[in-house]
Amino acid sequence: MLVDDSAIVRGFMRRWIDEDPRIELVKACSDGAQAVAEAASIRPDVIVLDIEMPNMDGLSALPQLRKAAPDARIVMASTLTAAGATQTVKALALGASDFIAKPQASAFGSVDSYRRELIEKIVALGERAGARLSTTPSAPIKLRPRQLHTSPPAALLVAASTGGPTALPAFLAPIARRIDAPILIVQHMPAAFTPVFAEKLEAAIGKHCREAREGDTLSPGTVLLAPGDKHMRVARCPAGRMIHLDQGDPVNYCRPAADPLFETAAAAFGSRLLCVVLTGMGHDGRAGAGKIVEAGGRVIVQDEATSVVWGMPGAIAQAGYAEAVKPLKELSQLALRMMSGEAA
């Protein structure tokens, strides 16, 4: 189901969906009120919901749509503005599964990256809704044998994509204040959104969190989020380790991406590293997790049943890089034990 007040936007989206045999458009609505009225009978797998609309906007429609179609995955379509970011983060807290930052209506036909991202999100979330959250993994996993570690990790890396804005605070809130080592986070998110998300994350975990800046040194207690549209890397320096930000080519179609952080952190920290990968679409982080394992570090991932999309964690588990695959709550406590040196 598409919900957008712009006839131009609906027209482009309808054409794109009609061209993809994996997707069926069941309804296109011009405002939230119409979507709420139709959702219970149509029961779509995925709803792409615009935020700014007359009659009933997306934030007002969201809770009603969740009641009318409880199995549907809802993707919020937001403008690339600070106001759009605030509304989107609020929508994710209210139960939206994901978001997509849309271009102006006049630019829709020329933005191939938006089209690709939209279709990929619809397909991934639609498949997940259709699976009805089976507790049996969709593909075989092979756990890496646990290695003996004589000292606790010196840094915690956390990466997420689709579902991450909900999973990250849930994962970190119970443990962040009990971890002294630096925590570095990559969440696939545009530049306009990451400052708002850092504020929300700080409020949720009860520990200072901000976007990383070029040259930041990794001191105890640091919690840094990769800024949107910039890769975050780690480098050695006279003071220990520092952050380097750049706008190199997207990796796995993403900037920031997990792989640049994981690969450079493996070189900077060696075996004293714990990497946690949460829910997310695609396979970003798989190559970097391999580098962490090669360096002697540790990798654990979220399980399929509690992930919105089991792409990133699943790719790592299926590659044999993870020594544990756990539900989100158990993953959080396992990470704390590892960071404390209790799960050597």
C-alpha atoms as a PDB file:
ATOM      1  CA  MET A   1       0.000   0.000   0.000  1.00  0.00           C
ATOM      2  CA  LEU A   2       1.289   3.461  -0.968  1.00  0.00           C
ATOM      3  CA  VAL A   3       0.159   6.496   1.011  1.00  0.00           C
ATOM      4  CA  ASP A   4       1.232   9.882  -0.405  1.00  0.00           C
ATOM      5  CA  ASP A   5      -0.662  13.062  -1.204  1.00  0.00           C
ATOM      6  CA  SER A   6       1.424  13.768  -4.322  1.00  0.00           C
ATOM      7  CA  ALA A   7      -0.065  12.300  -7.513  1.00  0.00           C
ATOM      8  CA  ILE A   8       3.383  12.582  -9.136  1.00  0.00           C
ATOM      9  CA  VAL A   9       5.014  10.516  -6.402  1.00  0.00           C
ATOM     10  CA  ARG A  10       2.247   7.922  -6.452  1.00  0.00           C
ATOM     11  CA  GLY A  11       2.551   7.677 -10.224  1.00  0.00           C
ATOM     12  CA  PHE A  12       6.290   6.992 -10.200  1.00  0.00           C
ATOM     13  CA  MET A  13       6.005   4.506  -7.337  1.00  0.00           C
ATOM     14  CA  ARG A  14       3.125   2.683  -9.058  1.00  0.00           C
ATOM     15  CA  ARG A  15       5.170   2.337 -12.251  1.00  0.00           C
ATOM     16  CA  TRP A  16       8.244   1.077 -10.415  1.00  0.00           C
ATOM     17  CA  ILE A  17       6.240  -1.488  -8.461  1.00  0.00           C
ATOM     18  CA  ASP A  18       4.324  -2.658 -11.527  1.00  0.00           C
ATOM     19  CA  GLU A  19       7.671  -3.309 -13.256  1.00  0.00           C
ATOM     20  CA  ASP A  20       8.856  -5.630 -10.452  1.00  0.00           C
ATOM     21  CA  PRO A  21       7.240  -9.090 -10.446  1.00  0.00           C
ATOM     22  CA  ARG A  22       8.031  -9.597  -6.764  1.00  0.00           C
ATOM     23  CA  ILE A  23       5.652  -6.838  -5.642  1.00  0.00           C
ATOM     24  CA  GLU A  24       1.933  -6.230  -6.043  1.00  0.00           C
ATOM     25  CA  LEU A  25       0.441  -2.800  -5.415  1.00  0.00           C
ATOM     26  CA  VAL A  26      -2.847  -3.397  -3.621  1.00  0.00           C
ATOM     27  CA  LYS A  27      -3.839   0.238  -2.957  1.00  0.00           C
ATOM     28  CA  ALA A  28      -2.604   3.802  -3.475  1.00  0.00           C
ATOM     29  CA  CYS A  29      -4.034   6.347  -1.030  1.00  0.00           C
ATOM     30  CA  SER A  30      -3.787  10.133  -1.001  1.00  0.00           C
ATOM     31  CA  ASP A  31      -3.857  10.639   2.768  1.00  0.00           C
ATOM     32  CA  GLY A  32      -3.663   8.824   6.077  1.00  0.00           C
ATOM     33  CA  ALA A  33      -7.416   8.769   6.679  1.00  0.00           C
ATOM     34  CA  GLN A  34      -8.036   6.860   3.461  1.00  0.00           C
ATOM     35  CA  ALA A  35      -5.252   4.409   4.300  1.00  0.00           C
ATOM     36  CA  VAL A  36      -6.652   3.723   7.766  1.00  0.00           C
ATOM     37  CA  ALA A  37     -10.110   3.109   6.296  1.00  0.00           C
ATOM     38  CA  GLU A  38      -8.749   0.624   3.729  1.00  0.00           C
ATOM     39  CA  ALA A  39      -5.981  -1.169   5.647  1.00  0.00           C
ATOM     40  CA  ALA A  40      -8.105  -3.563   7.698  1.00  0.00           C
ATOM     41  CA  SER A  41      -9.751  -5.108   4.639  1.00  0.00           C
ATOM     42  CA  ILE A  42      -6.681  -5.056   2.383  1.00  0.00           C
ATOM     43  CA  ARG A  43      -4.158  -6.240   5.029  1.00  0.00           C
ATOM     44  CA  PRO A  44      -1.010  -5.245   3.105  1.00  0.00           C
ATOM     45  CA  ASP A  45       2.390  -6.727   3.940  1.00  0.00           C
ATOM     46  CA  VAL A  46       4.135  -3.362   3.522  1.00  0.00           C
ATOM     47  CA  ILE A  47       2.863   0.208   3.772  1.00  0.00           C
ATOM     48  CA  VAL A  48       4.947   3.097   2.415  1.00  0.00           C
ATOM     49  CA  LEU A  49       3.644   6.027   4.427  1.00  0.00           C
ATOM     50  CA  ASP A  50       4.371   9.685   3.691  1.00  0.00           C
ATOM     51  CA  ILE A  51       4.761  11.876   6.766  1.00  0.00           C
ATOM     52  CA  GLU A  52       3.465  15.236   5.545  1.00  0.00           C
ATOM     53  CA  MET A  53      -0.111  14.943   4.168  1.00  0.00           C
ATOM     54  CA  PRO A  54      -3.404  16.850   4.510  1.00  0.00           C
ATOM     55  CA  ASN A  55      -6.449  15.470   6.359  1.00  0.00           C
ATOM     56  CA  MET A  56      -4.350  12.973   8.346  1.00  0.00           C
ATOM     57  CA  ASP A  57      -0.561  12.992   8.333  1.00  0.00           C
ATOM     58  CA  GLY A  58       1.674   9.964   8.625  1.00  0.00           C
ATOM     59  CA  LEU A  59       2.425  10.286  12.336  1.00  0.00           C
ATOM     60  CA  SER A  60      -1.290  10.449  13.137  1.00  0.00           C
ATOM     61  CA  ALA A  61      -2.074   7.529  10.844  1.00  0.00           C
ATOM     62  CA  LEU A  62       0.767   5.288  12.038  1.00  0.00           C
ATOM     63  CA  PRO A  63      -0.749   3.962  15.299  1.00  0.00           C
ATOM     64  CA  GLN A  64      -4.119   3.453  13.629  1.00  0.00           C
ATOM     65  CA  LEU A  65      -2.538   1.561  10.737  1.00  0.00           C
ATOM     66  CA  ARG A  66      -0.680  -0.672  13.172  1.00  0.00           C
ATOM     67  CA  LYS A  67      -4.015  -1.597  14.749  1.00  0.00           C
ATOM     68  CA  ALA A  68      -5.816  -2.043  11.423  1.00  0.00           C
ATOM     69  CA  ALA A  69      -3.031  -4.134   9.832  1.00  0.00           C
ATOM     70  CA  PRO A  70      -0.894  -5.444  12.718  1.00  0.00           C
ATOM     71  CA  ASP A  71       1.297  -7.668  10.525  1.00  0.00           C
ATOM     72  CA  ALA A  72       2.200  -4.899   8.069  1.00  0.00           C
ATOM     73  CA  ARG A  73       5.708  -3.439   7.996  1.00  0.00           C
ATOM     74  CA  ILE A  74       5.532   0.340   7.705  1.00  0.00           C
ATOM     75  CA  VAL A  75       8.174   2.405   5.887  1.00  0.00           C
ATOM     76  CA  MET A  76       8.050   6.138   6.602  1.00  0.00           C
ATOM     77  CA  ALA A  77       8.777   8.384   3.612  1.00  0.00           C
ATOM     78  CA  SER A  78      10.451  11.533   4.916  1.00  0.00           C
ATOM     79  CA  THR A  79      11.950  14.716   3.543  1.00  0.00           C
ATOM     80  CA  LEU A  80      15.700  15.281   3.972  1.00  0.00           C
ATOM     81  CA  THR A  81      15.274  18.059   6.525  1.00  0.00           C
ATOM     82  CA  ALA A  82      15.800  18.462  10.254  1.00  0.00           C
ATOM     83  CA  ALA A  83      12.023  18.535  10.748  1.00  0.00           C
ATOM     84  CA  GLY A  84      11.660  15.403   8.637  1.00  0.00           C
ATOM     85  CA  ALA A  85      14.375  13.700  10.681  1.00  0.00           C
ATOM     86  CA  THR A  86      12.650  14.527  13.980  1.00  0.00           C
ATOM     87  CA  GLN A  87       9.331  13.201  12.704  1.00  0.00           C
ATOM     88  CA  THR A  88      10.936  10.078  11.298  1.00  0.00           C
ATOM     89  CA  VAL A  89      12.762   9.192  14.516  1.00  0.00           C
ATOM     90  CA  LYS A  90       9.495   9.707  16.371  1.00  0.00           C
ATOM     91  CA  ALA A  91       7.709   7.405  13.914  1.00  0.00           C
ATOM     92  CA  LEU A  92      10.336   4.698  14.413  1.00  0.00           C
ATOM     93  CA  ALA A  93       9.779   4.940  18.163  1.00  0.00           C
ATOM     94  CA  LEU A  94       6.036   4.496  17.514  1.00  0.00           C
ATOM     95  CA  GLY A  95       6.599   1.236  15.666  1.00  0.00           C
ATOM     96  CA  ALA A  96       7.514   1.998  12.051  1.00  0.00           C
ATOM     97  CA  SER A  97       9.871  -0.655  10.691  1.00  0.00           C
ATOM     98  CA  ASP A  98      12.033   1.575   8.530  1.00  0.00           C
ATOM     99  CA  PHE A  99      12.239   4.886   6.693  1.00  0.00           C
ATOM    100  CA  ILE A 100      13.297   6.230   3.340  1.00  0.00           C
ATOM    101  CA  ALA A 101      14.371   9.796   2.647  1.00  0.00           C
ATOM    102  CA  LYS A 102      12.615  10.820  -0.552  1.00  0.00           C
ATOM    103  CA  PRO A 103      13.671  13.469  -3.063  1.00  0.00           C
ATOM    104  CA  GLN A 104      11.455  16.308  -4.209  1.00  0.00           C
ATOM    105  CA  ALA A 105       8.566  15.203  -6.422  1.00  0.00           C
ATOM    106  CA  SER A 106      10.083  17.029  -9.409  1.00  0.00           C
ATOM    107  CA  ALA A 107      13.260  14.887  -9.132  1.00  0.00           C
ATOM    108  CA  PHE A 108      11.615  11.497  -8.694  1.00  0.00           C
ATOM    109  CA  GLY A 109      12.103  10.251 -12.223  1.00  0.00           C
ATOM    110  CA  SER A 110      15.866  10.881 -12.220  1.00  0.00           C
ATOM    111  CA  VAL A 111      16.866   9.399  -8.858  1.00  0.00           C
ATOM    112  CA  ASP A 112      17.812   5.799  -9.584  1.00  0.00           C
ATOM    113  CA  SER A 113      19.299   5.295  -6.114  1.00  0.00           C
ATOM    114  CA  TYR A 114      15.970   6.151  -4.490  1.00  0.00           C
ATOM    115  CA  ARG A 115      14.128   3.724  -6.738  1.00  0.00           C
ATOM    116  CA  ARG A 116      16.582   0.927  -5.940  1.00  0.00           C
ATOM    117  CA  GLU A 117      16.421   1.590  -2.205  1.00  0.00           C
ATOM    118  CA  LEU A 118      12.628   1.757  -2.166  1.00  0.00           C
ATOM    119  CA  ILE A 119      12.178  -1.515  -4.061  1.00  0.00           C
ATOM    120  CA  GLU A 120      14.803  -3.296  -1.944  1.00  0.00           C
ATOM    121  CA  LYS A 121      13.122  -2.195   1.274  1.00  0.00           C
ATOM    122  CA  ILE A 122       9.662  -3.216   0.082  1.00  0.00           C
ATOM    123  CA  VAL A 123      10.893  -6.640  -1.026  1.00  0.00           C
ATOM    124  CA  ALA A 124      12.929  -7.322   2.133  1.00  0.00           C
ATOM    125  CA  LEU A 125      10.177  -6.222   4.503  1.00  0.00           C
ATOM    126  CA  GLY A 126       7.508  -7.984   2.455  1.00  0.00           C
ATOM    127  CA  GLU A 127       9.399 -11.258   2.579  1.00  0.00           C
ATOM    128  CA  ARG A 128       9.846 -10.833   6.322  1.00  0.00           C
ATOM    129  CA  ALA A 129       6.136 -10.179   6.834  1.00  0.00           C
ATOM    130  CA  GLY A 130       5.280 -13.200   4.717  1.00  0.00           C
ATOM    131  CA  ALA A 131       7.592 -15.423   6.744  1.00  0.00           C
ATOM    132  CA  ARG A 132       5.536 -14.660   9.878  1.00  0.00           C
ATOM    133  CA  LEU A 133       8.705 -14.658  11.964  1.00  0.00           C
ATOM    134  CA  SER A 134       9.514 -18.350  11.954  1.00  0.00           C
ATOM    135  CA  THR A 135      11.978 -19.261  14.716  1.00  0.00           C
ATOM    136  CA  THR A 136      13.847 -21.538  12.275  1.00  0.00           C
ATOM    137  CA  PRO A 137      16.685 -19.681  10.495  1.00  0.00           C
ATOM    138  CA  SER A 138      16.068 -19.218   6.774  1.00  0.00           C
ATOM    139  CA  ALA A 139      19.564 -20.492   5.933  1.00  0.00           C
ATOM    140  CA  PRO A 140      22.123 -22.679   7.756  1.00  0.00           C
ATOM    141  CA  ILE A 141      24.455 -20.957  10.179  1.00  0.00           C
ATOM    142  CA  LYS A 142      27.820 -22.155  11.411  1.00  0.00           C
ATOM    143  CA  LEU A 143      29.050 -20.751  14.678  1.00  0.00           C
ATOM    144  CA  ARG A 144      32.718 -19.987  15.029  1.00  0.00           C
ATOM    145  CA  PRO A 145      34.313 -21.935  17.884  1.00  0.00           C
ATOM    146  CA  ARG A 146      34.879 -19.737  20.911  1.00  0.00           C
ATOM    147  CA  GLN A 147      38.502 -18.716  21.351  1.00  0.00           C
ATOM    148  CA  LEU A 148      40.272 -18.165  24.655  1.00  0.00           C
ATOM    149  CA  HIS A 149      40.727 -14.450  25.417  1.00  0.00           C
ATOM    150  CA  THR A 150      42.954 -13.393  28.280  1.00  0.00           C
ATOM    151  CA  SER A 151      41.873  -9.739  28.376  1.00  0.00           C
ATOM    152  CA  PRO A 152      38.554  -7.939  27.749  1.00  0.00           C
ATOM    153  CA  PRO A 153      37.934  -6.028  24.504  1.00  0.00           C
ATOM    154  CA  ALA A 154      39.253  -2.469  24.319  1.00  0.00           C
ATOM    155  CA  ALA A 155      36.353  -1.272  22.143  1.00  0.00           C
ATOM    156  CA  LEU A 156      32.787  -2.231  21.241  1.00  0.00           C
ATOM    157  CA  LEU A 157      31.582  -1.804  17.647  1.00  0.00           C
ATOM    158  CA  VAL A 158      27.864  -1.924  16.863  1.00  0.00           C
ATOM    159  CA  ALA A 159      26.275  -1.802  13.406  1.00  0.00           C
ATOM    160  CA  ALA A 160      22.660  -1.829  12.240  1.00  0.00           C
ATOM    161  CA  SER A 161      20.429  -0.840   9.348  1.00  0.00           C
ATOM    162  CA  THR A 162      16.722  -1.630   8.881  1.00  0.00           C
ATOM    163  CA  GLY A 163      15.188  -1.878  12.361  1.00  0.00           C
ATOM    164  CA  GLY A 164      18.302  -0.412  13.954  1.00  0.00           C
ATOM    165  CA  PRO A 165      16.768   2.806  15.322  1.00  0.00           C
ATOM    166  CA  THR A 166      14.647   0.604  17.598  1.00  0.00           C
ATOM    167  CA  ALA A 167      17.137  -2.207  18.188  1.00  0.00           C
ATOM    168  CA  LEU A 168      20.137   0.005  19.040  1.00  0.00           C
ATOM    169  CA  PRO A 169      18.595   1.714  22.087  1.00  0.00           C
ATOM    170  CA  ALA A 170      17.108  -1.608  23.230  1.00  0.00           C
ATOM    171  CA  PHE A 171      20.524  -3.268  22.953  1.00  0.00           C
ATOM    172  CA  LEU A 172      22.549  -0.474  24.562  1.00  0.00           C
ATOM    173  CA  ALA A 173      20.209   0.831  27.275  1.00  0.00           C
ATOM    174  CA  PRO A 174      20.794  -2.033  29.746  1.00  0.00           C
ATOM    175  CA  ILE A 175      24.574  -2.104  29.326  1.00  0.00           C
ATOM    176  CA  ALA A 176      26.076   1.173  28.020  1.00  0.00           C
ATOM    177  CA  ARG A 177      26.632   2.760  31.444  1.00  0.00           C
ATOM    178  CA  ARG A 178      28.417  -0.388  32.621  1.00  0.00           C
ATOM    179  CA  ILE A 179      30.928  -0.380  29.764  1.00  0.00           C
ATOM    180  CA  ASP A 180      34.028   1.790  30.142  1.00  0.00           C
ATOM    181  CA  ALA A 181      35.504   1.045  26.726  1.00  0.00           C
ATOM    182  CA  PRO A 182      34.659   3.259  23.729  1.00  0.00           C
ATOM    183  CA  ILE A 183      31.472   2.344  21.844  1.00  0.00           C
ATOM    184  CA  LEU A 184      31.394   3.085  18.106  1.00  0.00           C
ATOM    185  CA  ILE A 185      28.096   2.844  16.227  1.00  0.00           C
ATOM    186  CA  VAL A 186      27.204   2.712  12.538  1.00  0.00           C
ATOM    187  CA  GLN A 187      23.530   3.100  11.635  1.00  0.00           C
ATOM    188  CA  HIS A 188      22.625   3.474   7.966  1.00  0.00           C
ATOM    189  CA  MET A 189      21.043   6.931   8.011  1.00  0.00           C
ATOM    190  CA  PRO A 190      21.225  10.228   6.043  1.00  0.00           C
ATOM    191  CA  ALA A 191      23.203  13.222   7.271  1.00  0.00           C
ATOM    192  CA  ALA A 192      20.094  15.180   8.291  1.00  0.00           C
ATOM    193  CA  PHE A 193      18.982  12.320  10.532  1.00  0.00           C
ATOM    194  CA  THR A 194      22.051  11.272  12.532  1.00  0.00           C
ATOM    195  CA  PRO A 195      22.230  14.350  14.841  1.00  0.00           C
ATOM    196  CA  VAL A 196      18.614  13.767  15.885  1.00  0.00           C
ATOM    197  CA  PHE A 197      19.177  10.049  16.313  1.00  0.00           C
ATOM    198  CA  ALA A 198      22.275  10.645  18.461  1.00  0.00           C
ATOM    199  CA  GLU A 199      20.177  12.788  20.814  1.00  0.00           C
ATOM    200  CA  LYS A 200      17.463  10.143  21.016  1.00  0.00           C
ATOM    201  CA  LEU A 201      20.050   7.437  21.626  1.00  0.00           C
ATOM    202  CA  GLU A 202      21.658   9.444  24.426  1.00  0.00           C
ATOM    203  CA  ALA A 203      18.295   9.865  26.139  1.00  0.00           C
ATOM    204  CA  ALA A 204      17.571   6.135  25.814  1.00  0.00           C
ATOM    205  CA  ILE A 205      20.900   4.794  27.108  1.00  0.00           C
ATOM    206  CA  GLY A 206      21.570   7.377  29.798  1.00  0.00           C
ATOM    207  CA  LYS A 207      25.090   8.063  28.560  1.00  0.00           C
ATOM    208  CA  HIS A 208      26.481  10.903  26.460  1.00  0.00           C
ATOM    209  CA  CYS A 209      26.319  10.049  22.761  1.00  0.00           C
ATOM    210  CA  ARG A 210      27.081  12.285  19.794  1.00  0.00           C
ATOM    211  CA  GLU A 211      28.123  12.193  16.172  1.00  0.00           C
ATOM    212  CA  ALA A 212      31.802  11.454  15.702  1.00  0.00           C
ATOM    213  CA  ARG A 213      34.082  14.297  14.600  1.00  0.00           C
ATOM    214  CA  GLU A 214      37.317  14.155  12.644  1.00  0.00           C
ATOM    215  CA  GLY A 215      40.244  13.579  15.011  1.00  0.00           C
ATOM    216  CA  ASP A 216      38.202  12.419  18.017  1.00  0.00           C
ATOM    217  CA  THR A 217      40.358  10.321  20.331  1.00  0.00           C
ATOM    218  CA  LEU A 218      38.829   7.161  21.743  1.00  0.00           C
ATOM    219  CA  SER A 219      38.853   7.753  25.467  1.00  0.00           C
ATOM    220  CA  PRO A 220      37.022   5.609  28.054  1.00  0.00           C
ATOM    221  CA  GLY A 221      33.272   6.142  28.134  1.00  0.00           C
ATOM    222  CA  THR A 222      33.096   7.532  24.593  1.00  0.00           C
ATOM    223  CA  VAL A 223      29.929   6.739  22.610  1.00  0.00           C
ATOM    224  CA  LEU A 224      30.177   7.923  19.006  1.00  0.00           C
ATOM    225  CA  LEU A 225      27.747   7.586  16.108  1.00  0.00           C
ATOM    226  CA  ALA A 226      28.982   7.688  12.531  1.00  0.00           C
ATOM    227  CA  PRO A 227      27.656  10.875  10.873  1.00  0.00           C
ATOM    228  CA  GLY A 228      25.358  10.423   7.904  1.00  0.00           C
ATOM    229  CA  ASP A 229      27.087  10.529   4.500  1.00  0.00           C
ATOM    230  CA  LYS A 230      30.539   9.882   6.035  1.00  0.00           C
ATOM    231  CA  HIS A 231      32.460   6.692   6.642  1.00  0.00           C
ATOM    232  CA  MET A 232      33.882   6.376  10.153  1.00  0.00           C
ATOM    233  CA  ARG A 233      37.293   4.731  10.437  1.00  0.00           C
ATOM    234  CA  VAL A 234      39.764   4.134  13.285  1.00  0.00           C
ATOM    235  CA  ALA A 235      43.477   4.926  13.099  1.00  0.00           C
ATOM    236  CA  ARG A 236      46.366   4.678  15.511  1.00  0.00           C
ATOM    237  CA  CYS A 237      47.777   7.965  16.829  1.00  0.00           C
ATOM    238  CA  PRO A 238      50.242   9.064  19.546  1.00  0.00           C
ATOM    239  CA  ALA A 239      47.355   9.356  22.028  1.00  0.00           C
ATOM    240  CA  GLY A 240      46.101   5.843  21.211  1.00  0.00           C
ATOM    241  CA  ARG A 241      43.333   5.616  18.610  1.00  0.00           C
ATOM    242  CA  MET A 242      41.457   8.318  16.792  1.00  0.00           C
ATOM    243  CA  ILE A 243      38.516   8.746  14.432  1.00  0.00           C
ATOM    244  CA  HIS A 244      38.925   9.539  10.761  1.00  0.00           C
ATOM    245  CA  LEU A 245      35.892  10.569   8.708  1.00  0.00           C
ATOM    246  CA  ASP A 246      35.726  10.651   4.928  1.00  0.00           C
ATOM    247  CA  GLN A 247      33.320  10.726   2.018  1.00  0.00           C
ATOM    248  CA  GLY A 248      34.854   7.900   0.072  1.00  0.00           C
ATOM    249  CA  ASP A 249      32.722   5.877  -2.296  1.00  0.00           C
ATOM    250  CA  PRO A 250      29.662   4.194  -0.760  1.00  0.00           C
ATOM    251  CA  VAL A 251      30.382   0.667   0.443  1.00  0.00           C
ATOM    252  CA  ASN A 252      27.563  -1.841  -0.084  1.00  0.00           C
ATOM    253  CA  TYR A 253      25.569   1.176  -1.381  1.00  0.00           C
ATOM    254  CA  CYS A 254      25.967   2.791   2.067  1.00  0.00           C
ATOM    255  CA  ARG A 255      27.775   5.786   3.553  1.00  0.00           C
ATOM    256  CA  PRO A 256      28.345   5.377   6.451  1.00  0.00           C
ATOM    257  CA  ALA A 257      28.975   1.662   6.125  1.00  0.00           C
ATOM    258  CA  ALA A 258      30.001  -0.890   8.717  1.00  0.00           C
ATOM    259  CA  ASP A 259      32.830  -2.474   6.718  1.00  0.00           C
ATOM    260  CA  PRO A 260      35.194   0.555   6.760  1.00  0.00           C
ATOM    261  CA  LEU A 261      34.815   0.824  10.542  1.00  0.00           C
ATOM    262  CA  PHE A 262      35.263  -2.892  11.163  1.00  0.00           C
ATOM    263  CA  GLU A 263      38.276  -3.264   8.890  1.00  0.00           C
ATOM    264  CA  THR A 264      40.185  -0.264  10.261  1.00  0.00           C
ATOM    265  CA  ALA A 265      39.289  -1.086  13.874  1.00  0.00           C
ATOM    266  CA  ALA A 266      40.644  -4.606  13.371  1.00  0.00           C
ATOM    267  CA  ALA A 267      43.947  -3.095  12.258  1.00  0.00           C
ATOM    268  CA  ALA A 268      43.976  -0.582  15.121  1.00  0.00           C
ATOM    269  CA  PHE A 269      42.868  -2.834  18.004  1.00  0.00           C
ATOM    270  CA  GLY A 270      43.839  -6.329  16.902  1.00  0.00           C
ATOM    271  CA  SER A 271      42.268  -9.050  19.000  1.00  0.00           C
ATOM    272  CA  ARG A 272      40.909  -6.697  21.672  1.00  0.00           C
ATOM    273  CA  LEU A 273      37.681  -5.955  19.833  1.00  0.00           C
ATOM    274  CA  LEU A 274      34.019  -6.994  20.127  1.00  0.00           C
ATOM    275  CA  CYS A 275      31.782  -6.486  17.100  1.00  0.00           C
ATOM    276  CA  VAL A 276      27.978  -6.693  17.386  1.00  0.00           C
ATOM    277  CA  VAL A 277      25.748  -6.656  14.304  1.00  0.00           C
ATOM    278  CA  LEU A 278      22.045  -6.027  14.705  1.00  0.00           C
ATOM    279  CA  THR A 279      19.070  -6.156  12.354  1.00  0.00           C
ATOM    280  CA  GLY A 280      19.641  -4.792   8.877  1.00  0.00           C
ATOM    281  CA  MET A 281      19.148  -5.278   5.163  1.00  0.00           C
ATOM    282  CA  GLY A 282      21.963  -6.391   2.870  1.00  0.00           C
ATOM    283  CA  HIS A 283      25.375  -7.747   3.860  1.00  0.00           C
ATOM    284  CA  ASP A 284      27.256  -4.665   5.062  1.00  0.00           C
ATOM    285  CA  GLY A 285      29.653  -5.695   7.824  1.00  0.00           C
ATOM    286  CA  ARG A 286      30.341  -9.219   6.546  1.00  0.00           C
ATOM    287  CA  ALA A 287      33.737  -8.445   5.006  1.00  0.00           C
ATOM    288  CA  GLY A 288      34.743  -6.353   8.016  1.00  0.00           C
ATOM    289  CA  ALA A 289      33.648  -9.075  10.436  1.00  0.00           C
ATOM    290  CA  GLY A 290      35.979 -11.416   8.588  1.00  0.00           C
ATOM    291  CA  LYS A 291      38.863  -8.997   9.195  1.00  0.00           C
ATOM    292  CA  ILE A 292      37.989  -8.787  12.896  1.00  0.00           C
ATOM    293  CA  VAL A 293      38.009 -12.579  13.155  1.00  0.00           C
ATOM    294  CA  GLU A 294      41.356 -12.746  11.312  1.00  0.00           C
ATOM    295  CA  ALA A 295      42.791 -10.292  13.863  1.00  0.00           C
ATOM    296  CA  GLY A 296      41.562 -12.466  16.742  1.00  0.00           C
ATOM    297  CA  GLY A 297      38.593 -10.304  17.717  1.00  0.00           C
ATOM    298  CA  ARG A 298      35.060 -11.456  18.534  1.00  0.00           C
ATOM    299  CA  VAL A 299      31.801 -11.167  16.601  1.00  0.00           C
ATOM    300  CA  ILE A 300      28.235 -11.798  17.791  1.00  0.00           C
ATOM    301  CA  VAL A 301      24.977 -11.077  15.964  1.00  0.00           C
ATOM    302  CA  GLN A 302      21.239 -10.696  16.498  1.00  0.00           C
ATOM    303  CA  ASP A 303      19.090 -13.705  15.657  1.00  0.00           C
ATOM    304  CA  GLU A 304      16.556 -13.895  12.839  1.00  0.00           C
ATOM    305  CA  ALA A 305      13.428 -14.085  14.994  1.00  0.00           C
ATOM    306  CA  THR A 306      14.037 -10.715  16.699  1.00  0.00           C
ATOM    307  CA  SER A 307      15.417  -8.922  13.625  1.00  0.00           C
ATOM    308  CA  VAL A 308      13.221  -6.766  11.397  1.00  0.00           C
ATOM    309  CA  VAL A 309      15.369  -7.975   8.475  1.00  0.00           C
ATOM    310  CA  TRP A 310      17.998 -10.685   8.930  1.00  0.00           C
ATOM    311  CA  GLY A 311      20.312  -9.512   6.190  1.00  0.00           C
ATOM    312  CA  MET A 312      23.432  -8.113   7.847  1.00  0.00           C
ATOM    313  CA  PRO A 313      23.515 -10.430  10.868  1.00  0.00           C
ATOM    314  CA  GLY A 314      22.456 -13.393   8.744  1.00  0.00           C
ATOM    315  CA  ALA A 315      25.250 -12.825   6.216  1.00  0.00           C
ATOM    316  CA  ILE A 316      27.832 -12.846   9.016  1.00  0.00           C
ATOM    317  CA  ALA A 317      26.348 -15.918  10.713  1.00  0.00           C
ATOM    318  CA  GLN A 318      26.187 -17.832   7.436  1.00  0.00           C
ATOM    319  CA  ALA A 319      29.796 -16.910   6.660  1.00  0.00           C
ATOM    320  CA  GLY A 320      30.899 -18.528   9.929  1.00  0.00           C
ATOM    321  CA  TYR A 321      32.245 -15.365  11.546  1.00  0.00           C
ATOM    322  CA  ALA A 322      29.866 -15.190  14.550  1.00  0.00           C
ATOM    323  CA  GLU A 323      30.527 -17.104  17.735  1.00  0.00           C
ATOM    324  CA  ALA A 324      26.969 -16.456  18.977  1.00  0.00           C
ATOM    325  CA  VAL A 325      23.574 -15.722  17.418  1.00  0.00           C
ATOM    326  CA  LYS A 326      21.161 -14.509  20.092  1.00  0.00           C
ATOM    327  CA  PRO A 327      17.810 -12.745  20.578  1.00  0.00           C
ATOM    328  CA  LEU A 328      18.284  -9.035  21.223  1.00  0.00           C
ATOM    329  CA  LYS A 329      17.958  -9.139  25.031  1.00  0.00           C
ATOM    330  CA  GLU A 330      20.311 -12.104  25.376  1.00  0.00           C
ATOM    331  CA  LEU A 331      22.739 -10.515  22.929  1.00  0.00           C
ATOM    332  CA  SER A 332      22.897  -7.399  25.080  1.00  0.00           C
ATOM    333  CA  GLN A 333      23.772  -9.346  28.219  1.00  0.00           C
ATOM    334  CA  LEU A 334      26.294 -11.521  26.385  1.00  0.00           C
ATOM    335  CA  ALA A 335      28.015  -8.393  25.054  1.00  0.00           C
ATOM    336  CA  LEU A 336      28.238  -6.997  28.586  1.00  0.00           C
ATOM    337  CA  ARG A 337      29.802 -10.213  29.884  1.00  0.00           C
ATOM    338  CA  MET A 338      32.293 -10.217  27.045  1.00  0.00           C
ATOM    339  CA  MET A 339      33.200  -6.568  27.571  1.00  0.00           C
ATOM    340  CA  SER A 340      33.655  -7.284  31.292  1.00  0.00           C
ATOM    341  CA  GLY A 341      35.951 -10.221  30.582  1.00  0.00           C
ATOM    342  CA  GLU A 342      33.465 -12.679  32.115  1.00  0.00           C
ATOM    343  CA  ALA A 343      32.807 -14.605  28.881  1.00  0.00           C
ATOM    344  CA  ALA A 344      36.370 -15.229  27.814  1.00  0.00           C
END
